[in-house]
Structure formats: C-alpha cells, structure tokens
C-alpha cells in the first residue's frame, strides 16, 4: 500500500509538470516580458505556486511530512548555501523566501534539456549553469555566467557547495570553485541552511516506495556577513562547512518531525 501511494503521488506530480508547461510558456513567460517592472513578482508567485502544487501530492497522497523551513529575506546581496540530500532541497529553499520573489539556483547543465516544465523554467529564471564534465572552453563560459549572475542578481542566489547529493546524509566535501567565484564578486549576507531526513529516498525508486515514511526538516545553521570580496575565502568557506556539520549533529539529537 505504501508503494502504491508513492507511485500514485508521482503520477499526479508528472501530470502537473506536463499541464503546467504550456501555461508557463504561453502565459507566465509573456507576462514577465510584458511587465518588466513586475517580472520578479510574477516569476516569484508562479514558482511558489508550482512548489505548492508539486509538494501537495507527495504530502497528501504519498504521506510525506516536511517541517516549515526558516524564513529568509528576498532581495539582492542574499546568498543561500545548503547541503544537498534530495530534489526536495529546491522547493524547500523556494518556500523559505517571500512569495513575491524567487531564488536563482546554480544548476547542472544537463537539466536545461528535455525535462517538461523544468528545462524551460531554468532558462526563464536565468539560473546559472555549471557542468563539471565540460571541456575547458565550456567551463570558462559557465564561470563567466556565474560571475555575471553573482554581480547583477536582484534576487537571492542559492548554491549547494557539495556539488552532488550525499549518499549517507552527512555533510560531504565542498567543491568550492563556484562558491569562491561568487564570494569574489560582491559583499553577501550568507544564509546557511541544513536539511536532514531526505537522503534515504534520494533515488526515484526509493522515494516512491518510502514516501510515506519520509520525515524531513530544514534548520538555519547561521547567518554570516561576507563584507570584503577581495579577501581569501578559504577560511570563511571552512567556517560555513563546520557550521553545517555542527547543526546537522544537533538536529539528529532532536525528536523526529
């Protein structure tokens, strides 16, 4: 029965992705171009709507439970860091922000092609793309794009500095190249989030079968001021990672969600 509920929730979710794709292309994207002064609010409300609709079948059909993430202010100069346990790390960050704005996620290039709704969304929201397997020329283009996004973004940026989902739920080694580049571009108010409870269902088959047992939470590990982009960021990055490790340890001593 648990597996049936999980697969049914996934079917409803995929149907939503297919139905929402033309709405995004034919309504939301033109509106954001027609009213450029309201673009952030339009795209923000659409992304929050999609987050709610996408998560609802997982909760109400699949039986998963998510604790409400901490609130983070919108606006420019906000950088969000989070550990990476599952695909739900993305809607959790979206939920943490006001509904009239949205985060830009540093995203792998392969997601920009072939995924209903999602691939178009990544282009519409101008997410910086990275590809760890890219050749030198393509990598240079990605880093330039990331640099420009960090300098000019009027909305929060979000990066998962581990670079890939963890297999055991622990805080993995950082791949700091992108984060170092972002820190060089401007001062930041850095919000550090830690999620736990998601890693056991990171794979699609495990997610469907274990959805009803999913209990997750997100906590704020700290807020850090990065005030001098000219300084060496290695110590700062190490401090942030240690804050994640410490907070995860505290979370695992708490009662379940």
Protein backbone atom coordinates (compact mmCIF):
# COMPACT_ATOMS: atom_id res chain seq x y z
CA UNK A 1 0.00 0.00 0.00
CA UNK A 2 2.83 2.43 0.80
CA UNK A 3 4.40 1.86 -2.60
CA UNK A 4 1.03 2.31 -4.35
CA UNK A 5 0.53 5.66 -2.60
CA UNK A 6 4.05 6.72 -3.55
CA UNK A 7 3.73 5.85 -7.23
CA UNK A 8 0.28 7.46 -7.40
CA UNK A 9 1.74 10.68 -5.96
CA UNK A 10 4.49 10.61 -8.59
CA UNK A 11 1.96 10.12 -11.39
CA UNK A 12 -0.03 13.14 -10.19
CA UNK A 13 3.20 15.14 -9.95
CA UNK A 14 4.28 14.25 -13.51
CA UNK A 15 0.81 15.12 -14.86
CA UNK A 16 1.14 18.53 -13.21
CA UNK A 17 4.52 19.08 -14.87
CA UNK A 18 3.07 18.29 -18.29
CA UNK A 19 0.00 20.50 -17.81
CA UNK A 20 1.91 23.42 -16.30
CA UNK A 21 4.49 23.54 -19.10
CA UNK A 22 2.27 25.29 -21.71
CA UNK A 23 0.89 27.66 -19.06
CA UNK A 24 4.42 28.71 -18.21
CA UNK A 25 5.43 29.13 -21.86
CA UNK A 26 2.26 30.84 -23.13
CA UNK A 27 1.15 32.88 -20.09
CA UNK A 28 3.83 33.37 -17.43
CA UNK A 29 6.81 33.99 -19.72
CA UNK A 30 4.97 36.58 -21.90
CA UNK A 31 3.62 38.34 -18.80
CA UNK A 32 7.11 38.64 -17.33
CA UNK A 33 8.32 40.27 -20.57
CA UNK A 34 5.26 42.50 -20.92
CA UNK A 35 5.63 43.90 -17.40
CA UNK A 36 9.41 44.04 -16.76
CA UNK A 37 8.99 46.13 -13.61
CA UNK A 38 6.87 43.31 -12.14
CA UNK A 39 8.93 40.43 -13.52
CA UNK A 40 10.38 39.32 -10.18
CA UNK A 41 6.96 39.33 -8.50
CA UNK A 42 5.32 37.45 -11.40
CA UNK A 43 8.01 34.78 -11.55
CA UNK A 44 8.16 34.59 -7.76
CA UNK A 45 4.45 33.91 -7.36
CA UNK A 46 4.49 31.34 -10.17
CA UNK A 47 7.41 29.47 -8.64
CA UNK A 48 5.77 29.43 -5.22
CA UNK A 49 2.54 28.19 -6.79
CA UNK A 50 4.39 25.37 -8.55
CA UNK A 51 6.20 24.47 -5.35
CA UNK A 52 2.90 24.12 -3.51
CA UNK A 53 1.22 22.09 -6.24
CA UNK A 54 4.27 19.84 -6.70
CA UNK A 55 4.68 19.13 -2.99
CA UNK A 56 0.95 18.60 -2.28
CA UNK A 57 0.61 15.11 -3.83
CA UNK A 58 3.76 13.99 -2.03
CA UNK A 59 2.24 15.08 1.30
CA UNK A 60 -1.48 14.38 0.86
CA UNK A 61 -1.25 11.26 -1.29
CA UNK A 62 2.21 9.92 -0.53
CA UNK A 63 2.14 10.67 3.20
CA UNK A 64 5.47 12.51 3.48
CA UNK A 65 5.94 15.23 6.11
CA UNK A 66 8.03 18.37 5.84
CA UNK A 67 8.74 20.87 8.56
CA UNK A 68 8.42 24.52 7.53
CA UNK A 69 11.87 25.92 6.68
CA UNK A 70 13.18 29.12 8.32
CA UNK A 71 12.27 32.42 6.67
CA UNK A 72 14.91 34.18 4.56
CA UNK A 73 14.51 37.71 3.19
CA UNK A 74 14.46 38.34 -0.54
CA UNK A 75 16.37 40.99 -2.39
CA UNK A 76 19.84 41.33 -3.83
CA UNK A 77 23.01 40.51 -1.94
CA UNK A 78 21.49 37.39 -0.35
CA UNK A 79 23.39 34.13 -0.82
CA UNK A 80 21.88 30.84 0.35
CA UNK A 81 24.00 27.75 0.99
CA UNK A 82 22.51 24.36 1.75
CA UNK A 83 23.61 20.76 1.97
CA UNK A 84 22.26 18.51 -0.77
CA UNK A 85 20.26 15.42 0.20
CA UNK A 86 17.47 15.21 -2.39
CA UNK A 87 15.49 17.04 -5.07
CA UNK A 88 13.33 18.46 -2.28
CA UNK A 89 16.18 20.77 -1.29
CA UNK A 90 14.99 23.04 -4.11
CA UNK A 91 11.30 23.52 -3.13
CA UNK A 92 12.39 23.91 0.50
CA UNK A 93 14.59 26.88 -0.40
CA UNK A 94 11.76 28.35 -2.50
CA UNK A 95 9.40 28.07 0.48
CA UNK A 96 11.85 29.90 2.73
CA UNK A 97 11.58 33.11 0.65
CA UNK A 98 8.74 35.67 0.35
CA UNK A 99 6.17 34.84 -2.32
CA UNK A 100 6.94 37.93 -4.38
CA UNK A 101 10.48 36.79 -5.14
CA UNK A 102 12.43 33.67 -6.04
CA UNK A 103 15.93 32.20 -5.74
CA UNK A 104 18.29 31.55 -8.62
CA UNK A 105 19.91 28.14 -8.20
CA UNK A 106 23.31 27.21 -9.58
CA UNK A 107 22.21 24.25 -11.72
CA UNK A 108 23.87 21.48 -13.72
CA UNK A 109 23.70 21.92 -17.50
CA UNK A 110 22.02 18.57 -18.16
CA UNK A 111 18.78 19.78 -16.56
CA UNK A 112 18.39 22.52 -19.18
CA UNK A 113 17.30 19.98 -21.80
CA UNK A 114 14.41 17.54 -22.17
CA UNK A 115 12.52 17.87 -18.86
CA UNK A 116 8.91 19.09 -19.17
CA UNK A 117 8.40 22.43 -17.45
CA UNK A 118 11.73 22.28 -15.61
CA UNK A 119 14.10 22.88 -18.54
CA UNK A 120 12.12 25.90 -19.73
CA UNK A 121 11.90 27.17 -16.15
CA UNK A 122 15.68 27.09 -15.76
CA UNK A 123 16.07 29.28 -18.83
CA UNK A 124 13.16 31.59 -17.93
CA UNK A 125 14.53 32.21 -14.43
CA UNK A 126 18.09 32.58 -15.77
CA UNK A 127 19.67 30.03 -13.47
CA UNK A 128 23.47 29.93 -13.80
CA UNK A 129 24.53 26.61 -15.29
CA UNK A 130 27.59 24.51 -14.50
CA UNK A 131 28.94 21.27 -15.92
CA UNK A 132 31.76 19.51 -14.03
CA UNK A 133 32.48 17.35 -17.12
CA UNK A 134 32.66 20.26 -19.57
CA UNK A 135 35.73 21.00 -21.66
CA UNK A 136 37.90 24.00 -20.83
CA UNK A 137 36.07 26.36 -23.20
CA UNK A 138 32.59 25.43 -21.95
CA UNK A 139 33.77 25.59 -18.33
CA UNK A 140 35.06 29.11 -18.94
CA UNK A 141 31.67 30.16 -20.32
CA UNK A 142 29.92 28.69 -17.27
CA UNK A 143 32.19 30.54 -14.86
CA UNK A 144 31.65 33.82 -16.71
CA UNK A 145 27.89 33.29 -16.49
CA UNK A 146 28.13 32.51 -12.78
CA UNK A 147 30.31 35.57 -12.20
CA UNK A 148 27.85 37.84 -14.02
CA UNK A 149 24.89 36.37 -12.12
CA UNK A 150 26.62 36.95 -8.79
CA UNK A 151 27.40 40.56 -9.69
CA UNK A 152 23.99 41.57 -11.01
CA UNK A 153 21.35 39.32 -9.43
CA UNK A 154 18.47 41.27 -7.94
CA UNK A 155 17.16 38.12 -6.23
CA UNK A 156 18.85 35.67 -3.84
CA UNK A 157 21.28 33.14 -5.28
CA UNK A 158 21.48 29.59 -3.97
CA UNK A 159 24.28 27.07 -4.32
CA UNK A 160 24.75 23.55 -2.96
CA UNK A 161 28.50 23.60 -2.30
CA UNK A 162 28.84 19.82 -2.05
CA UNK A 163 28.04 19.74 -5.76
CA UNK A 164 26.14 16.46 -5.59
CA UNK A 165 23.66 14.67 -3.37
CA UNK A 166 25.03 12.90 -0.34
CA UNK A 167 24.74 9.11 -0.07
CA UNK A 168 24.77 8.92 3.72
CA UNK A 169 23.19 12.18 4.85
CA UNK A 170 26.43 13.62 6.20
CA UNK A 171 27.94 16.90 5.06
CA UNK A 172 30.20 15.95 2.18
CA UNK A 173 33.36 17.67 0.95
CA UNK A 174 32.73 21.00 -0.73
CA UNK A 175 33.51 21.66 -4.37
CA UNK A 176 34.28 25.29 -3.67
CA UNK A 177 35.24 26.66 -7.07
CA UNK A 178 31.85 28.17 -7.83
CA UNK A 179 31.37 29.44 -4.29
CA UNK A 180 34.80 31.07 -4.27
CA UNK A 181 33.96 32.82 -7.53
CA UNK A 182 30.67 34.12 -6.17
CA UNK A 183 32.29 35.43 -3.00
CA UNK A 184 34.78 37.42 -5.08
CA UNK A 185 32.06 39.42 -6.82
CA UNK A 186 30.35 41.37 -4.04
CA UNK A 187 29.55 41.51 -0.31
CA UNK A 188 26.90 38.98 0.76
CA UNK A 189 24.54 38.21 3.58
CA UNK A 190 25.03 34.45 3.66
CA UNK A 191 22.21 32.24 5.00
CA UNK A 192 23.33 28.68 5.70
CA UNK A 193 20.62 26.00 5.73
CA UNK A 194 20.90 22.37 6.76
CA UNK A 195 18.34 19.76 5.74
CA UNK A 196 18.03 16.24 7.10
CA UNK A 197 15.73 13.27 6.66
CA UNK A 198 15.69 13.24 2.85
CA UNK A 199 18.78 11.31 1.83
CA UNK A 200 17.35 7.78 2.23
CA UNK A 201 14.84 8.48 -0.54
CA UNK A 202 17.13 10.41 -2.88
CA UNK A 203 16.68 7.89 -5.73
CA UNK A 204 13.35 7.83 -7.54
CA UNK A 205 12.52 4.19 -6.78
CA UNK A 206 13.37 4.59 -3.10
CA UNK A 207 11.42 7.83 -2.99
CA UNK A 208 8.25 6.23 -4.37
CA UNK A 209 8.44 3.20 -2.08
CA UNK A 210 9.41 5.10 1.05
CA UNK A 211 7.45 8.33 0.56
CA UNK A 212 5.04 7.69 3.43
CA UNK A 213 7.98 7.30 5.84
CA UNK A 214 9.71 10.49 4.73
CA UNK A 215 10.15 12.92 7.63
CA UNK A 216 12.33 15.92 6.88
CA UNK A 217 13.32 19.24 8.38
CA UNK A 218 15.43 22.25 7.49
CA UNK A 219 17.20 24.41 10.07
CA UNK A 220 19.22 27.60 9.89
CA UNK A 221 22.86 26.87 10.71
CA UNK A 222 23.79 30.54 10.80
CA UNK A 223 23.81 33.92 9.08
CA UNK A 224 27.25 35.16 8.04
CA UNK A 225 28.37 38.52 6.74
CA UNK A 226 30.81 38.41 3.85
CA UNK A 227 31.94 42.02 3.67
CA UNK A 228 35.25 42.05 1.79
CA UNK A 229 35.22 40.30 -1.61
CA UNK A 230 38.97 40.92 -2.00
CA UNK A 231 39.96 38.69 0.89
CA UNK A 232 40.81 34.99 0.71
CA UNK A 233 37.58 32.99 1.13
CA UNK A 234 39.06 29.66 2.24
CA UNK A 235 38.71 30.31 5.97
CA UNK A 236 35.18 31.61 5.51
CA UNK A 237 34.16 28.55 3.48
CA UNK A 238 35.65 26.25 6.12
CA UNK A 239 33.69 28.13 8.81
CA UNK A 240 30.45 27.71 6.89
CA UNK A 241 31.02 23.99 6.35
CA UNK A 242 31.76 23.47 10.04
CA UNK A 243 28.56 25.31 10.94
CA UNK A 244 26.66 22.87 8.71
CA UNK A 245 28.32 19.87 10.35
CA UNK A 246 27.60 21.17 13.85
CA UNK A 247 23.97 21.97 13.09
CA UNK A 248 23.35 18.59 11.47
CA UNK A 249 24.69 16.89 14.58
CA UNK A 250 22.33 18.93 16.76
CA UNK A 251 19.36 18.16 14.52
CA UNK A 252 19.96 14.43 14.78
CA UNK A 253 19.69 14.64 18.55
CA UNK A 254 16.22 16.21 18.33
CA UNK A 255 12.89 14.41 18.28
CA UNK A 256 11.68 13.32 14.82
CA UNK A 257 9.46 15.67 12.80
